[in-house]
């Protein structure tokens, strides 16, 4: 695939090999050849196994289940691409987990997202593409361009495909901080909004939902959030909605970062179905009958094409193409069929 700056080459770190392959399949190109070795003492070594001189490089690496090692690998590859004379280097980070550290809200703590942004730029990234940052202002931590994609069009399309979008549907924000995201989805689906009043104590990743604000009695509810780690907040909200007389409860996420305990919690909860994208390769989630994984790779592939061919990125935010949705949903159906880890 070529464009104004030459040939596109898409490479992937160890956390996003399958995701990058899907992107390449969508674009009709072959994935770049690179190697990562972790030595016995823990050091990471990276190598590019082909010439990328004067080529536009897109490197895919999510920061999900092992963010510290994944981040180090990302930085080393960005440096390697620059030293190998790439024309441009774009860091594609489907899930940027350190976006949670966006402010100094306690004494003597690091603003981790800012540190990560500076490291990514210093290592050689000319551009960053990511999706649904936990805090949108993290875009401002970068001096380089950041293309911020949204899972909402994909999630809304899947909700319609499920046949649950009608006058009896309510989109629920688990807390006030996510209310804007919930309002956006509700506006697109033409339904009402409710908000959970959540309190968190400390850093144990568990939160208690104190109240549901809004009419949910007899309604089907979509609890919308950007990610979940323990599943605790989603389950608390689901119980709160059921206590208020809600009918069926669904959870829609941009990113799923669940471990086996979290999956078990979802399985035992009132949540009828959890829908998320595959920005994080989450083996535990793939084993659950309740969890549906949609592919965001076609959306990121379209973003690569837009960037490379100088097409306005706003086109992606209006309405997903039928081809993009078909490939995203086809991936989900494939996962339903096999119910086992994706093979490399």
C-alpha atoms as a PDB file:
ATOM      1  CA  UNK A   1       0.000   0.000   0.000  1.00  0.00           C
ATOM      2  CA  UNK A   2       1.472   3.321  -1.011  1.00  0.00           C
ATOM      3  CA  UNK A   3       0.647   6.985  -0.562  1.00  0.00           C
ATOM      4  CA  UNK A   4       2.166  10.438  -0.743  1.00  0.00           C
ATOM      5  CA  UNK A   5       5.133   9.572   1.443  1.00  0.00           C
ATOM      6  CA  UNK A   6       5.920   6.154  -0.017  1.00  0.00           C
ATOM      7  CA  UNK A   7       5.144   2.689   1.263  1.00  0.00           C
ATOM      8  CA  UNK A   8       3.271   1.920   4.496  1.00  0.00           C
ATOM      9  CA  UNK A   9       4.790  -0.700   6.773  1.00  0.00           C
ATOM     10  CA  UNK A  10       2.829  -1.914   9.796  1.00  0.00           C
ATOM     11  CA  UNK A  11       4.791  -3.615  12.587  1.00  0.00           C
ATOM     12  CA  UNK A  12       3.579  -4.955  15.926  1.00  0.00           C
ATOM     13  CA  UNK A  13       4.879  -5.490  19.430  1.00  0.00           C
ATOM     14  CA  UNK A  14       4.249  -8.698  21.331  1.00  0.00           C
ATOM     15  CA  UNK A  15       0.993  -7.397  22.859  1.00  0.00           C
ATOM     16  CA  UNK A  16      -0.706  -6.630  19.524  1.00  0.00           C
ATOM     17  CA  UNK A  17       0.384  -9.198  16.935  1.00  0.00           C
ATOM     18  CA  UNK A  18      -3.094 -10.470  16.115  1.00  0.00           C
ATOM     19  CA  UNK A  19      -4.586  -6.967  16.164  1.00  0.00           C
ATOM     20  CA  UNK A  20      -1.957  -5.755  13.668  1.00  0.00           C
ATOM     21  CA  UNK A  21      -2.544  -8.789  11.421  1.00  0.00           C
ATOM     22  CA  UNK A  22      -6.218  -7.855  11.236  1.00  0.00           C
ATOM     23  CA  UNK A  23      -5.243  -4.306  10.286  1.00  0.00           C
ATOM     24  CA  UNK A  24      -2.990  -5.608   7.524  1.00  0.00           C
ATOM     25  CA  UNK A  25      -5.713  -7.945   6.241  1.00  0.00           C
ATOM     26  CA  UNK A  26      -8.089  -4.989   6.034  1.00  0.00           C
ATOM     27  CA  UNK A  27      -5.553  -2.863   4.139  1.00  0.00           C
ATOM     28  CA  UNK A  28      -4.370  -5.692   1.926  1.00  0.00           C
ATOM     29  CA  UNK A  29      -0.754  -5.434   3.008  1.00  0.00           C
ATOM     30  CA  UNK A  30       1.757  -7.728   4.712  1.00  0.00           C
ATOM     31  CA  UNK A  31       2.847  -7.146   8.299  1.00  0.00           C
ATOM     32  CA  UNK A  32       6.425  -6.011   8.826  1.00  0.00           C
ATOM     33  CA  UNK A  33       9.029  -8.403  10.178  1.00  0.00           C
ATOM     34  CA  UNK A  34      10.482  -7.622  13.597  1.00  0.00           C
ATOM     35  CA  UNK A  35      11.749  -9.524  16.629  1.00  0.00           C
ATOM     36  CA  UNK A  36      11.469  -9.053  20.377  1.00  0.00           C
ATOM     37  CA  UNK A  37      13.608 -11.081  22.789  1.00  0.00           C
ATOM     38  CA  UNK A  38      13.340 -10.932  26.584  1.00  0.00           C
ATOM     39  CA  UNK A  39      16.568 -12.154  28.146  1.00  0.00           C
ATOM     40  CA  UNK A  40      16.718 -14.235  31.304  1.00  0.00           C
ATOM     41  CA  UNK A  41      17.509 -11.247  33.523  1.00  0.00           C
ATOM     42  CA  UNK A  42      14.489  -9.361  32.152  1.00  0.00           C
ATOM     43  CA  UNK A  43      16.128  -7.038  29.595  1.00  0.00           C
ATOM     44  CA  UNK A  44      14.187  -6.495  26.361  1.00  0.00           C
ATOM     45  CA  UNK A  45      15.921  -6.578  22.965  1.00  0.00           C
ATOM     46  CA  UNK A  46      14.193  -5.491  19.734  1.00  0.00           C
ATOM     47  CA  UNK A  47      15.235  -5.750  16.094  1.00  0.00           C
ATOM     48  CA  UNK A  48      13.715  -4.771  12.729  1.00  0.00           C
ATOM     49  CA  UNK A  49      14.336  -7.552  10.213  1.00  0.00           C
ATOM     50  CA  UNK A  50      13.879  -5.537   7.014  1.00  0.00           C
ATOM     51  CA  UNK A  51      14.848  -2.168   5.579  1.00  0.00           C
ATOM     52  CA  UNK A  52      12.401   0.635   6.396  1.00  0.00           C
ATOM     53  CA  UNK A  53      14.477   3.537   5.025  1.00  0.00           C
ATOM     54  CA  UNK A  54      12.187   6.351   3.793  1.00  0.00           C
ATOM     55  CA  UNK A  55       9.059   4.319   4.585  1.00  0.00           C
ATOM     56  CA  UNK A  56       6.091   5.414   6.685  1.00  0.00           C
ATOM     57  CA  UNK A  57       6.083   3.097   9.689  1.00  0.00           C
ATOM     58  CA  UNK A  58       3.094   2.367  11.915  1.00  0.00           C
ATOM     59  CA  UNK A  59       3.953   0.435  15.068  1.00  0.00           C
ATOM     60  CA  UNK A  60       1.090  -1.219  16.985  1.00  0.00           C
ATOM     61  CA  UNK A  61       1.491  -1.891  20.691  1.00  0.00           C
ATOM     62  CA  UNK A  62      -1.275  -1.801  23.275  1.00  0.00           C
ATOM     63  CA  UNK A  63      -0.500  -1.045  26.932  1.00  0.00           C
ATOM     64  CA  UNK A  64      -2.826  -3.492  28.640  1.00  0.00           C
ATOM     65  CA  UNK A  65      -2.152  -6.595  30.726  1.00  0.00           C
ATOM     66  CA  UNK A  66       1.612  -6.030  31.157  1.00  0.00           C
ATOM     67  CA  UNK A  67       1.900  -2.256  30.680  1.00  0.00           C
ATOM     68  CA  UNK A  68       5.422  -1.691  31.985  1.00  0.00           C
ATOM     69  CA  UNK A  69       7.108  -4.261  29.738  1.00  0.00           C
ATOM     70  CA  UNK A  70       4.829  -3.344  26.825  1.00  0.00           C
ATOM     71  CA  UNK A  71       5.754   0.310  27.249  1.00  0.00           C
ATOM     72  CA  UNK A  72       9.492  -0.429  27.300  1.00  0.00           C
ATOM     73  CA  UNK A  73       9.144  -2.510  24.117  1.00  0.00           C
ATOM     74  CA  UNK A  74       7.225   0.338  22.459  1.00  0.00           C
ATOM     75  CA  UNK A  75       9.952   2.862  23.264  1.00  0.00           C
ATOM     76  CA  UNK A  76      12.754   0.607  22.054  1.00  0.00           C
ATOM     77  CA  UNK A  77      11.016  -0.012  18.731  1.00  0.00           C
ATOM     78  CA  UNK A  78      10.300   3.692  18.191  1.00  0.00           C
ATOM     79  CA  UNK A  79      13.988   4.383  18.717  1.00  0.00           C
ATOM     80  CA  UNK A  80      14.971   1.544  16.368  1.00  0.00           C
ATOM     81  CA  UNK A  81      12.699   2.824  13.582  1.00  0.00           C
ATOM     82  CA  UNK A  82      14.110   6.333  13.836  1.00  0.00           C
ATOM     83  CA  UNK A  83      17.693   5.051  13.800  1.00  0.00           C
ATOM     84  CA  UNK A  84      16.833   2.952  10.723  1.00  0.00           C
ATOM     85  CA  UNK A  85      15.876   6.149   8.821  1.00  0.00           C
ATOM     86  CA  UNK A  86      12.103   5.677   8.590  1.00  0.00           C
ATOM     87  CA  UNK A  87      10.377   8.567   6.825  1.00  0.00           C
ATOM     88  CA  UNK A  88       7.837   8.817   9.662  1.00  0.00           C
ATOM     89  CA  UNK A  89       6.943   6.752  12.720  1.00  0.00           C
ATOM     90  CA  UNK A  90       3.405   6.551  14.111  1.00  0.00           C
ATOM     91  CA  UNK A  91       2.779   4.883  17.475  1.00  0.00           C
ATOM     92  CA  UNK A  92      -0.567   3.075  17.445  1.00  0.00           C
ATOM     93  CA  UNK A  93      -1.599   2.424  21.044  1.00  0.00           C
ATOM     94  CA  UNK A  94      -5.094   0.869  20.989  1.00  0.00           C
ATOM     95  CA  UNK A  95      -5.356   1.015  24.794  1.00  0.00           C
ATOM     96  CA  UNK A  96      -3.224   3.563  26.628  1.00  0.00           C
ATOM     97  CA  UNK A  97      -3.617   2.334  30.202  1.00  0.00           C
ATOM     98  CA  UNK A  98      -1.509   5.076  31.795  1.00  0.00           C
ATOM     99  CA  UNK A  99      -4.083   7.656  30.677  1.00  0.00           C
ATOM    100  CA  UNK A 100      -5.596   7.012  34.119  1.00  0.00           C
ATOM    101  CA  UNK A 101      -2.681   8.962  35.632  1.00  0.00           C
ATOM    102  CA  UNK A 102      -3.720  12.309  34.148  1.00  0.00           C
ATOM    103  CA  UNK A 103      -3.461  14.625  37.155  1.00  0.00           C
ATOM    104  CA  UNK A 104      -1.764  15.265  40.491  1.00  0.00           C
ATOM    105  CA  UNK A 105      -4.746  14.499  42.710  1.00  0.00           C
ATOM    106  CA  UNK A 106      -2.699  13.463  45.751  1.00  0.00           C
ATOM    107  CA  UNK A 107       0.444  14.880  47.368  1.00  0.00           C
ATOM    108  CA  UNK A 108       3.804  13.722  45.991  1.00  0.00           C
ATOM    109  CA  UNK A 109       2.514  11.584  43.100  1.00  0.00           C
ATOM    110  CA  UNK A 110       3.594  11.378  39.466  1.00  0.00           C
ATOM    111  CA  UNK A 111       1.445  12.512  36.554  1.00  0.00           C
ATOM    112  CA  UNK A 112       2.155   9.225  34.817  1.00  0.00           C
ATOM    113  CA  UNK A 113       0.386   9.960  31.547  1.00  0.00           C
ATOM    114  CA  UNK A 114       2.542  13.066  31.053  1.00  0.00           C
ATOM    115  CA  UNK A 115       5.740  11.090  31.702  1.00  0.00           C
ATOM    116  CA  UNK A 116       4.657   8.439  29.175  1.00  0.00           C
ATOM    117  CA  UNK A 117       3.786  11.070  26.566  1.00  0.00           C
ATOM    118  CA  UNK A 118       7.203  12.712  26.850  1.00  0.00           C
ATOM    119  CA  UNK A 119       8.976   9.343  26.624  1.00  0.00           C
ATOM    120  CA  UNK A 120       7.037   8.359  23.485  1.00  0.00           C
ATOM    121  CA  UNK A 121       7.953  11.623  21.770  1.00  0.00           C
ATOM    122  CA  UNK A 122      11.594  11.502  22.843  1.00  0.00           C
ATOM    123  CA  UNK A 123      11.896   7.917  21.585  1.00  0.00           C
ATOM    124  CA  UNK A 124      10.910   9.049  18.094  1.00  0.00           C
ATOM    125  CA  UNK A 125       7.125   9.016  17.535  1.00  0.00           C
ATOM    126  CA  UNK A 126       5.955  11.593  14.986  1.00  0.00           C
ATOM    127  CA  UNK A 127       2.288  10.848  15.641  1.00  0.00           C
ATOM    128  CA  UNK A 128       0.096   8.817  18.013  1.00  0.00           C
ATOM    129  CA  UNK A 129      -3.180   7.008  17.286  1.00  0.00           C
ATOM    130  CA  UNK A 130      -5.196   5.713  20.233  1.00  0.00           C
ATOM    131  CA  UNK A 131      -8.798   5.067  21.250  1.00  0.00           C
ATOM    132  CA  UNK A 132     -11.011   6.267  24.098  1.00  0.00           C
ATOM    133  CA  UNK A 133      -8.464   7.685  26.510  1.00  0.00           C
ATOM    134  CA  UNK A 134      -9.675   7.527  30.109  1.00  0.00           C
ATOM    135  CA  UNK A 135      -9.018  11.273  30.296  1.00  0.00           C
ATOM    136  CA  UNK A 136      -9.307  13.097  26.970  1.00  0.00           C
ATOM    137  CA  UNK A 137      -6.975  15.890  28.143  1.00  0.00           C
ATOM    138  CA  UNK A 138      -4.059  13.440  27.883  1.00  0.00           C
ATOM    139  CA  UNK A 139      -3.979  14.443  24.198  1.00  0.00           C
ATOM    140  CA  UNK A 140      -2.633  17.779  25.398  1.00  0.00           C
ATOM    141  CA  UNK A 141       0.355  16.092  27.057  1.00  0.00           C
ATOM    142  CA  UNK A 142       1.778  15.421  23.581  1.00  0.00           C
ATOM    143  CA  UNK A 143       3.416  18.040  21.386  1.00  0.00           C
ATOM    144  CA  UNK A 144       3.020  15.723  18.394  1.00  0.00           C
ATOM    145  CA  UNK A 145      -0.362  15.106  16.707  1.00  0.00           C
ATOM    146  CA  UNK A 146      -2.687  12.656  18.481  1.00  0.00           C
ATOM    147  CA  UNK A 147      -5.581  11.023  16.632  1.00  0.00           C
ATOM    148  CA  UNK A 148      -8.153  10.022  19.240  1.00  0.00           C
ATOM    149  CA  UNK A 149     -10.570   7.380  17.950  1.00  0.00           C
ATOM    150  CA  UNK A 150     -13.875   6.434  19.563  1.00  0.00           C
ATOM    151  CA  UNK A 151     -15.460   3.010  20.011  1.00  0.00           C
ATOM    152  CA  UNK A 152     -18.944   4.546  20.186  1.00  0.00           C
ATOM    153  CA  UNK A 153     -19.864   4.152  16.479  1.00  0.00           C
ATOM    154  CA  UNK A 154     -18.876   0.485  16.599  1.00  0.00           C
ATOM    155  CA  UNK A 155     -20.703  -0.165  19.885  1.00  0.00           C
ATOM    156  CA  UNK A 156     -23.833   1.651  18.715  1.00  0.00           C
ATOM    157  CA  UNK A 157     -23.894  -0.332  15.486  1.00  0.00           C
ATOM    158  CA  UNK A 158     -23.625  -3.568  17.460  1.00  0.00           C
ATOM    159  CA  UNK A 159     -26.419  -2.517  19.833  1.00  0.00           C
ATOM    160  CA  UNK A 160     -28.647  -2.019  16.792  1.00  0.00           C
ATOM    161  CA  UNK A 161     -27.571  -5.407  15.456  1.00  0.00           C
ATOM    162  CA  UNK A 162     -28.615  -6.972  18.780  1.00  0.00           C
ATOM    163  CA  UNK A 163     -32.095  -5.504  18.350  1.00  0.00           C
ATOM    164  CA  UNK A 164     -32.205  -3.760  21.743  1.00  0.00           C
ATOM    165  CA  UNK A 165     -32.434  -0.165  20.503  1.00  0.00           C
ATOM    166  CA  UNK A 166     -35.975   1.109  21.072  1.00  0.00           C
ATOM    167  CA  UNK A 167     -37.957   3.461  23.312  1.00  0.00           C
ATOM    168  CA  UNK A 168     -37.414   1.090  26.244  1.00  0.00           C
ATOM    169  CA  UNK A 169     -33.612   1.493  26.281  1.00  0.00           C
ATOM    170  CA  UNK A 170     -31.580   3.596  28.736  1.00  0.00           C
ATOM    171  CA  UNK A 171     -27.820   4.265  28.559  1.00  0.00           C
ATOM    172  CA  UNK A 172     -26.347   4.318  32.084  1.00  0.00           C
ATOM    173  CA  UNK A 173     -23.173   6.079  33.130  1.00  0.00           C
ATOM    174  CA  UNK A 174     -21.530   4.333  36.123  1.00  0.00           C
ATOM    175  CA  UNK A 175     -20.488   7.724  37.549  1.00  0.00           C
ATOM    176  CA  UNK A 176     -20.748  11.447  36.868  1.00  0.00           C
ATOM    177  CA  UNK A 177     -17.352  11.474  35.159  1.00  0.00           C
ATOM    178  CA  UNK A 178     -18.621   9.241  32.347  1.00  0.00           C
ATOM    179  CA  UNK A 179     -21.900  11.093  31.905  1.00  0.00           C
ATOM    180  CA  UNK A 180     -20.757  12.945  28.778  1.00  0.00           C
ATOM    181  CA  UNK A 181     -19.775   9.669  27.105  1.00  0.00           C
ATOM    182  CA  UNK A 182     -23.148   8.134  28.028  1.00  0.00           C
ATOM    183  CA  UNK A 183     -25.013  11.184  26.743  1.00  0.00           C
ATOM    184  CA  UNK A 184     -23.219  10.915  23.407  1.00  0.00           C
ATOM    185  CA  UNK A 185     -24.209   7.279  22.973  1.00  0.00           C
ATOM    186  CA  UNK A 186     -27.782   7.965  24.092  1.00  0.00           C
ATOM    187  CA  UNK A 187     -28.100  10.788  21.572  1.00  0.00           C
ATOM    188  CA  UNK A 188     -26.876   8.515  18.775  1.00  0.00           C
ATOM    189  CA  UNK A 189     -29.284   5.737  19.792  1.00  0.00           C
ATOM    190  CA  UNK A 190     -32.173   8.129  20.547  1.00  0.00           C
ATOM    191  CA  UNK A 191     -32.758   6.976  24.124  1.00  0.00           C
ATOM    192  CA  UNK A 192     -32.651   8.250  27.720  1.00  0.00           C
ATOM    193  CA  UNK A 193     -29.727   8.501  30.180  1.00  0.00           C
ATOM    194  CA  UNK A 194     -29.267   7.504  33.831  1.00  0.00           C
ATOM    195  CA  UNK A 195     -26.247   8.061  36.093  1.00  0.00           C
ATOM    196  CA  UNK A 196     -24.771   6.005  38.915  1.00  0.00           C
ATOM    197  CA  UNK A 197     -23.387   7.797  41.957  1.00  0.00           C
ATOM    198  CA  UNK A 198     -20.082   6.019  42.660  1.00  0.00           C
ATOM    199  CA  UNK A 199     -17.589   6.350  45.494  1.00  0.00           C
ATOM    200  CA  UNK A 200     -14.045   4.933  45.458  1.00  0.00           C
ATOM    201  CA  UNK A 201     -11.782   4.598  48.496  1.00  0.00           C
ATOM    202  CA  UNK A 202      -8.046   4.195  47.944  1.00  0.00           C
ATOM    203  CA  UNK A 203      -6.444   2.299  45.055  1.00  0.00           C
ATOM    204  CA  UNK A 204      -8.056  -1.145  45.414  1.00  0.00           C
ATOM    205  CA  UNK A 205      -9.841  -0.675  42.055  1.00  0.00           C
ATOM    206  CA  UNK A 206     -13.210  -1.353  43.675  1.00  0.00           C
ATOM    207  CA  UNK A 207     -15.943   1.240  43.903  1.00  0.00           C
ATOM    208  CA  UNK A 208     -19.343   1.275  45.588  1.00  0.00           C
ATOM    209  CA  UNK A 209     -22.357   2.546  43.663  1.00  0.00           C
ATOM    210  CA  UNK A 210     -24.517   4.494  46.083  1.00  0.00           C
ATOM    211  CA  UNK A 211     -27.496   5.518  43.938  1.00  0.00           C
ATOM    212  CA  UNK A 212     -28.974   5.393  40.438  1.00  0.00           C
ATOM    213  CA  UNK A 213     -30.187   8.767  39.176  1.00  0.00           C
ATOM    214  CA  UNK A 214     -32.836   8.389  36.482  1.00  0.00           C
ATOM    215  CA  UNK A 215     -35.868   6.281  35.573  1.00  0.00           C
ATOM    216  CA  UNK A 216     -34.855   2.689  34.793  1.00  0.00           C
ATOM    217  CA  UNK A 217     -37.899   0.750  36.006  1.00  0.00           C
ATOM    218  CA  UNK A 218     -38.966  -1.765  33.377  1.00  0.00           C
ATOM    219  CA  UNK A 219     -36.190  -0.551  31.030  1.00  0.00           C
ATOM    220  CA  UNK A 220     -33.375  -2.361  29.265  1.00  0.00           C
ATOM    221  CA  UNK A 221     -30.097  -0.719  30.277  1.00  0.00           C
ATOM    222  CA  UNK A 222     -26.667  -0.354  28.665  1.00  0.00           C
ATOM    223  CA  UNK A 223     -24.002   0.450  31.267  1.00  0.00           C
ATOM    224  CA  UNK A 224     -21.334   2.346  29.317  1.00  0.00           C
ATOM    225  CA  UNK A 225     -17.726   2.726  30.508  1.00  0.00           C
ATOM    226  CA  UNK A 226     -14.305   3.038  28.909  1.00  0.00           C
ATOM    227  CA  UNK A 227     -12.737  -0.011  30.603  1.00  0.00           C
ATOM    228  CA  UNK A 228     -12.987  -2.466  33.462  1.00  0.00           C
ATOM    229  CA  UNK A 229     -10.250  -4.235  35.419  1.00  0.00           C
ATOM    230  CA  UNK A 230     -12.022  -6.044  38.262  1.00  0.00           C
ATOM    231  CA  UNK A 231     -15.594  -5.811  36.967  1.00  0.00           C
ATOM    232  CA  UNK A 232     -16.641  -4.490  40.386  1.00  0.00           C
ATOM    233  CA  UNK A 233     -18.188  -1.197  39.294  1.00  0.00           C
ATOM    234  CA  UNK A 234     -20.141  -2.789  36.440  1.00  0.00           C
ATOM    235  CA  UNK A 235     -21.532  -5.473  38.739  1.00  0.00           C
ATOM    236  CA  UNK A 236     -22.462  -2.938  41.432  1.00  0.00           C
ATOM    237  CA  UNK A 237     -24.266  -0.804  38.859  1.00  0.00           C
ATOM    238  CA  UNK A 238     -26.059  -3.863  37.495  1.00  0.00           C
ATOM    239  CA  UNK A 239     -27.298  -4.790  40.980  1.00  0.00           C
ATOM    240  CA  UNK A 240     -28.362  -1.178  41.562  1.00  0.00           C
ATOM    241  CA  UNK A 241     -30.297  -1.144  38.304  1.00  0.00           C
ATOM    242  CA  UNK A 242     -32.013  -4.433  39.124  1.00  0.00           C
ATOM    243  CA  UNK A 243     -32.947  -3.066  42.553  1.00  0.00           C
ATOM    244  CA  UNK A 244     -34.568  -0.126  40.753  1.00  0.00           C
ATOM    245  CA  UNK A 245     -36.629  -2.473  38.595  1.00  0.00           C
ATOM    246  CA  UNK A 246     -34.551  -2.553  35.417  1.00  0.00           C
ATOM    247  CA  UNK A 247     -35.255  -5.363  32.958  1.00  0.00           C
ATOM    248  CA  UNK A 248     -32.142  -6.568  31.090  1.00  0.00           C
ATOM    249  CA  UNK A 249     -28.710  -5.078  31.867  1.00  0.00           C
ATOM    250  CA  UNK A 250     -25.893  -4.965  29.305  1.00  0.00           C
ATOM    251  CA  UNK A 251     -22.376  -3.580  29.711  1.00  0.00           C
ATOM    252  CA  UNK A 252     -20.631  -1.861  26.788  1.00  0.00           C
ATOM    253  CA  UNK A 253     -16.911  -1.053  27.055  1.00  0.00           C
ATOM    254  CA  UNK A 254     -14.177   0.354  24.860  1.00  0.00           C
ATOM    255  CA  UNK A 255     -11.500  -1.846  26.472  1.00  0.00           C
ATOM    256  CA  UNK A 256     -11.691  -5.053  28.518  1.00  0.00           C
ATOM    257  CA  UNK A 257      -8.772  -5.773  30.890  1.00  0.00           C
ATOM    258  CA  UNK A 258     -10.323  -8.533  32.993  1.00  0.00           C
ATOM    259  CA  UNK A 259      -8.516 -11.351  34.759  1.00  0.00           C
ATOM    260  CA  UNK A 260     -10.136 -14.708  35.588  1.00  0.00           C
ATOM    261  CA  UNK A 261     -11.577 -13.376  38.865  1.00  0.00           C
ATOM    262  CA  UNK A 262     -13.130 -10.434  37.063  1.00  0.00           C
ATOM    263  CA  UNK A 263     -14.643 -12.693  34.399  1.00  0.00           C
ATOM    264  CA  UNK A 264     -16.126 -14.919  37.101  1.00  0.00           C
ATOM    265  CA  UNK A 265     -17.630 -11.848  38.755  1.00  0.00           C
ATOM    266  CA  UNK A 266     -19.259 -10.851  35.454  1.00  0.00           C
ATOM    267  CA  UNK A 267     -20.488 -14.424  34.895  1.00  0.00           C
ATOM    268  CA  UNK A 268     -22.202 -14.469  38.308  1.00  0.00           C
ATOM    269  CA  UNK A 269     -23.692 -10.966  37.972  1.00  0.00           C
ATOM    270  CA  UNK A 270     -27.067  -9.759  36.647  1.00  0.00           C
ATOM    271  CA  UNK A 271     -25.290  -8.525  33.480  1.00  0.00           C
ATOM    272  CA  UNK A 272     -26.848 -10.319  30.519  1.00  0.00           C
ATOM    273  CA  UNK A 273     -24.021  -9.528  28.099  1.00  0.00           C
ATOM    274  CA  UNK A 274     -20.771  -7.549  28.108  1.00  0.00           C
ATOM    275  CA  UNK A 275     -19.636  -6.117  24.770  1.00  0.00           C
ATOM    276  CA  UNK A 276     -16.136  -4.723  24.242  1.00  0.00           C
ATOM    277  CA  UNK A 277     -13.481  -4.287  21.582  1.00  0.00           C
ATOM    278  CA  UNK A 278     -10.240  -6.222  21.187  1.00  0.00           C
ATOM    279  CA  UNK A 279      -7.835  -3.348  21.935  1.00  0.00           C
ATOM    280  CA  UNK A 280      -6.424  -5.599  24.680  1.00  0.00           C
ATOM    281  CA  UNK A 281      -5.797  -9.273  23.965  1.00  0.00           C
ATOM    282  CA  UNK A 282      -7.650 -10.639  27.006  1.00  0.00           C
ATOM    283  CA  UNK A 283      -7.601 -14.477  27.088  1.00  0.00           C
ATOM    284  CA  UNK A 284      -9.864 -14.698  30.155  1.00  0.00           C
ATOM    285  CA  UNK A 285     -12.601 -12.640  28.496  1.00  0.00           C
ATOM    286  CA  UNK A 286     -12.565 -14.784  25.354  1.00  0.00           C
ATOM    287  CA  UNK A 287     -13.627 -17.832  27.384  1.00  0.00           C
ATOM    288  CA  UNK A 288     -16.848 -16.283  28.686  1.00  0.00           C
ATOM    289  CA  UNK A 289     -20.203 -16.919  27.028  1.00  0.00           C
ATOM    290  CA  UNK A 290     -21.376 -13.549  28.360  1.00  0.00           C
ATOM    291  CA  UNK A 291     -18.581 -11.495  26.800  1.00  0.00           C
ATOM    292  CA  UNK A 292     -18.660 -10.506  23.120  1.00  0.00           C
ATOM    293  CA  UNK A 293     -15.459  -9.123  21.607  1.00  0.00           C
ATOM    294  CA  UNK A 294     -15.694  -6.850  18.555  1.00  0.00           C
ATOM    295  CA  UNK A 295     -12.659  -6.041  16.438  1.00  0.00           C
ATOM    296  CA  UNK A 296     -11.475  -2.424  16.472  1.00  0.00           C
ATOM    297  CA  UNK A 297      -8.657  -3.318  14.047  1.00  0.00           C
ATOM    298  CA  UNK A 298     -10.602  -2.234  10.921  1.00  0.00           C
ATOM    299  CA  UNK A 299     -11.185   1.189  12.508  1.00  0.00           C
ATOM    300  CA  UNK A 300      -7.468   1.585  13.255  1.00  0.00           C
ATOM    301  CA  UNK A 301      -6.639   0.372   9.743  1.00  0.00           C
ATOM    302  CA  UNK A 302      -8.915   3.067   8.329  1.00  0.00           C
ATOM    303  CA  UNK A 303      -7.152   5.603  10.566  1.00  0.00           C
ATOM    304  CA  UNK A 304      -3.799   4.524   9.097  1.00  0.00           C
ATOM    305  CA  UNK A 305      -5.171   4.951   5.579  1.00  0.00           C
ATOM    306  CA  UNK A 306      -6.598   8.390   6.426  1.00  0.00           C
ATOM    307  CA  UNK A 307      -3.323   9.583   7.946  1.00  0.00           C
ATOM    308  CA  UNK A 308      -1.180   8.258   5.138  1.00  0.00           C
ATOM    309  CA  UNK A 309      -3.388   9.475   2.283  1.00  0.00           C
ATOM    310  CA  UNK A 310      -4.068  12.857   3.929  1.00  0.00           C
ATOM    311  CA  UNK A 311      -7.801  12.205   4.299  1.00  0.00           C
ATOM    312  CA  UNK A 312      -9.621  14.138   7.083  1.00  0.00           C
ATOM    313  CA  UNK A 313      -9.900  11.901  10.140  1.00  0.00           C
ATOM    314  CA  UNK A 314     -13.345  13.358  10.933  1.00  0.00           C
ATOM    315  CA  UNK A 315     -14.833  10.998   8.342  1.00  0.00           C
ATOM    316  CA  UNK A 316     -14.277   8.136  10.789  1.00  0.00           C
ATOM    317  CA  UNK A 317     -16.362   9.809  13.492  1.00  0.00           C
ATOM    318  CA  UNK A 318     -19.518  10.311  11.457  1.00  0.00           C
ATOM    319  CA  UNK A 319     -20.540   6.833  10.315  1.00  0.00           C
ATOM    320  CA  UNK A 320     -18.443   3.657  10.066  1.00  0.00           C
ATOM    321  CA  UNK A 321     -18.262   2.156   6.599  1.00  0.00           C
ATOM    322  CA  UNK A 322     -20.257  -0.999   5.938  1.00  0.00           C
ATOM    323  CA  UNK A 323     -17.002  -2.846   5.176  1.00  0.00           C
ATOM    324  CA  UNK A 324     -15.493  -1.779   8.508  1.00  0.00           C
ATOM    325  CA  UNK A 325     -18.529  -2.974  10.459  1.00  0.00           C
ATOM    326  CA  UNK A 326     -18.747  -6.211   8.502  1.00  0.00           C
ATOM    327  CA  UNK A 327     -15.144  -7.115   9.345  1.00  0.00           C
ATOM    328  CA  UNK A 328     -15.567  -6.072  12.993  1.00  0.00           C
ATOM    329  CA  UNK A 329     -18.695  -8.178  13.459  1.00  0.00           C
ATOM    330  CA  UNK A 330     -17.309 -11.067  11.422  1.00  0.00           C
ATOM    331  CA  UNK A 331     -14.420 -11.250  13.877  1.00  0.00           C
ATOM    332  CA  UNK A 332     -16.846 -11.441  16.791  1.00  0.00           C
ATOM    333  CA  UNK A 333     -18.837 -14.231  15.135  1.00  0.00           C
ATOM    334  CA  UNK A 334     -15.610 -16.145  14.544  1.00  0.00           C
ATOM    335  CA  UNK A 335     -14.740 -15.895  18.242  1.00  0.00           C
ATOM    336  CA  UNK A 336     -18.215 -17.130  19.143  1.00  0.00           C
ATOM    337  CA  UNK A 337     -17.681 -20.172  16.959  1.00  0.00           C
ATOM    338  CA  UNK A 338     -14.296 -21.279  18.300  1.00  0.00           C
ATOM    339  CA  UNK A 339     -14.417 -20.155  21.960  1.00  0.00           C
ATOM    340  CA  UNK A 340     -10.706 -20.662  22.405  1.00  0.00           C
ATOM    341  CA  UNK A 341      -7.583 -18.461  22.396  1.00  0.00           C
ATOM    342  CA  UNK A 342      -6.693 -16.937  19.040  1.00  0.00           C
ATOM    343  CA  UNK A 343      -3.731 -18.686  17.479  1.00  0.00           C
ATOM    344  CA  UNK A 344      -0.745 -16.642  16.274  1.00  0.00           C
END
